[in-house]
Protein backbone atom coordinates (compact mmCIF):
# COMPACT_ATOMS: atom_id res chain seq x y z
CA MET A 1 3.38 25.88 -10.52
CA THR A 2 6.98 26.79 -9.76
CA ILE A 3 8.58 25.97 -6.43
CA ASP A 4 11.77 27.69 -5.30
CA THR A 5 14.06 24.85 -4.29
CA SER A 6 17.30 26.84 -4.17
CA ALA A 7 17.58 26.48 -0.38
CA ASP A 8 16.49 22.85 -0.16
CA THR A 9 18.50 20.38 -2.23
CA ALA A 10 16.60 17.35 -0.85
CA LEU A 11 13.30 18.87 -2.00
CA ALA A 12 14.79 19.70 -5.39
CA SER A 13 15.99 16.11 -5.76
CA ALA A 14 12.59 14.70 -4.77
CA ILE A 15 10.77 16.95 -7.21
CA SER A 16 13.18 15.96 -9.97
CA GLN A 17 12.58 12.26 -9.29
CA VAL A 18 8.80 12.67 -9.30
CA GLU A 19 8.87 14.69 -12.51
CA SER A 20 11.11 12.08 -14.14
CA GLY A 21 8.72 9.33 -13.07
CA LEU A 22 5.78 11.18 -14.55
CA ARG A 23 7.55 11.43 -17.90
CA ASP A 24 8.89 7.86 -18.01
CA HIS A 25 6.28 5.10 -17.74
CA ALA A 26 9.03 2.60 -16.84
CA LEU A 27 9.58 4.53 -13.59
CA ARG A 28 5.93 4.54 -12.51
CA PRO A 29 4.93 2.15 -9.74
CA ASP A 30 2.33 -0.54 -10.41
CA ILE A 31 -0.69 0.00 -8.17
CA VAL A 32 -3.37 -2.64 -7.64
CA SER A 33 -6.39 -1.76 -5.52
CA PHE A 34 -8.76 -4.02 -3.60
CA PHE A 35 -12.22 -2.85 -2.51
CA ASP A 36 -13.69 -4.16 0.75
CA ASP A 37 -17.50 -4.13 0.47
CA ALA A 38 -18.18 -4.37 4.21
CA THR A 39 -16.24 -1.21 5.08
CA SER A 40 -16.14 0.56 1.70
CA THR A 41 -12.38 0.67 2.14
CA VAL A 42 -9.81 0.48 -0.65
CA SER A 43 -6.51 -1.25 0.10
CA HIS A 44 -3.56 -1.01 -2.26
CA ILE A 45 -0.48 -2.94 -3.22
CA VAL A 46 2.15 -0.64 -4.72
CA ARG A 47 4.98 -2.37 -6.57
CA ALA A 48 8.28 -0.70 -7.30
CA PRO A 49 8.89 -0.16 -11.01
CA GLY A 50 10.99 -2.92 -12.51
CA GLY A 51 11.28 -4.91 -9.29
CA ASN A 52 9.42 -7.08 -6.84
CA ALA A 53 9.51 -4.81 -3.76
CA CYS A 54 6.08 -3.64 -2.69
CA ALA A 55 4.08 -1.83 -0.05
CA ILE A 56 0.66 -2.79 1.27
CA ILE A 57 -1.44 0.25 2.13
CA ASP A 58 -4.58 0.46 4.33
CA SER A 59 -5.31 -3.24 4.78
CA VAL A 60 -8.60 -4.43 6.31
CA LEU A 61 -9.13 -6.94 9.11
CA ASP A 62 -12.61 -8.42 8.81
CA PHE A 63 -14.81 -7.85 11.86
CA ASP A 64 -18.25 -9.32 12.46
CA MET A 65 -20.02 -6.96 14.85
CA PRO A 66 -22.77 -9.35 16.09
CA SER A 67 -20.35 -12.13 17.01
CA GLY A 68 -17.33 -9.95 17.83
CA ARG A 69 -15.16 -12.22 15.70
CA ILE A 70 -12.38 -11.20 13.38
CA GLY A 71 -11.44 -12.78 10.08
CA HIS A 72 -8.70 -12.53 7.50
CA ALA A 73 -10.50 -12.98 4.16
CA SER A 74 -9.75 -9.41 3.02
CA ALA A 75 -6.11 -9.65 4.11
CA GLU A 76 -5.78 -13.09 2.53
CA ARG A 77 -6.73 -11.55 -0.84
CA LEU A 78 -3.78 -9.19 -0.49
CA ALA A 79 -1.45 -11.98 0.65
CA HIS A 80 -2.56 -14.17 -2.25
CA TYR A 81 -1.78 -11.39 -4.75
CA VAL A 82 1.65 -10.80 -3.19
CA ASN A 83 2.51 -14.50 -3.29
CA ALA A 84 1.05 -15.11 -6.76
CA HIS A 85 3.16 -12.29 -8.22
CA GLY A 86 6.37 -13.11 -6.36
CA LEU A 87 6.43 -9.79 -4.51
CA GLN A 88 8.50 -8.95 -1.46
CA VAL A 89 6.67 -6.82 1.09
CA MET A 90 8.97 -4.05 2.29
CA TRP A 91 6.36 -1.86 3.97
CA VAL A 92 2.90 -2.27 5.49
CA LEU A 93 1.50 1.24 5.73
CA GLU A 94 -1.52 3.00 7.18
CA THR A 95 -2.31 6.42 5.75
CA HIS A 96 -4.43 7.62 8.65
CA VAL A 97 -6.29 6.49 11.76
CA HIS A 98 -9.15 4.28 10.59
CA ALA A 99 -12.56 4.82 12.17
CA ASP A 100 -14.25 2.71 9.49
CA HIS A 101 -12.28 -0.53 9.85
CA LEU A 102 -9.66 -2.48 11.76
CA THR A 103 -6.23 -2.86 10.23
CA ALA A 104 -4.81 -6.20 9.14
CA ALA A 105 -1.27 -4.77 9.16
CA PRO A 106 0.04 -6.90 12.07
CA TRP A 107 -1.39 -10.10 10.54
CA LEU A 108 0.03 -9.28 7.10
CA GLN A 109 3.41 -8.45 8.57
CA ARG A 110 3.51 -11.85 10.33
CA GLN A 111 2.54 -13.58 7.08
CA LEU A 112 4.59 -11.60 4.57
CA GLY A 113 7.13 -9.44 6.36
CA GLY A 114 7.51 -5.73 5.90
């Protein structure tokens, strides 16, 4: 597919960077995914290539419906990975409104930054 980028230099630059990253494995981010059985949700930690900056995407806050209690076991798995690998959280992201789970983003941000 060819995209005409003659009128949009920012788009042309972004496309060039993505294409370069696809060709050069050293430029590809490291993505580790964590599956939450209770909600069938996948959370991700995306690490910048060659560095320790990372993003946490779509984290899960554990919720026990019968008791109405929350827990942090799923989020603690993410925090443990970040700490064990010496990562620096720059962003805690949500890709969409979640009807299937509560987000652990505020808890993770308090624990890890971002």
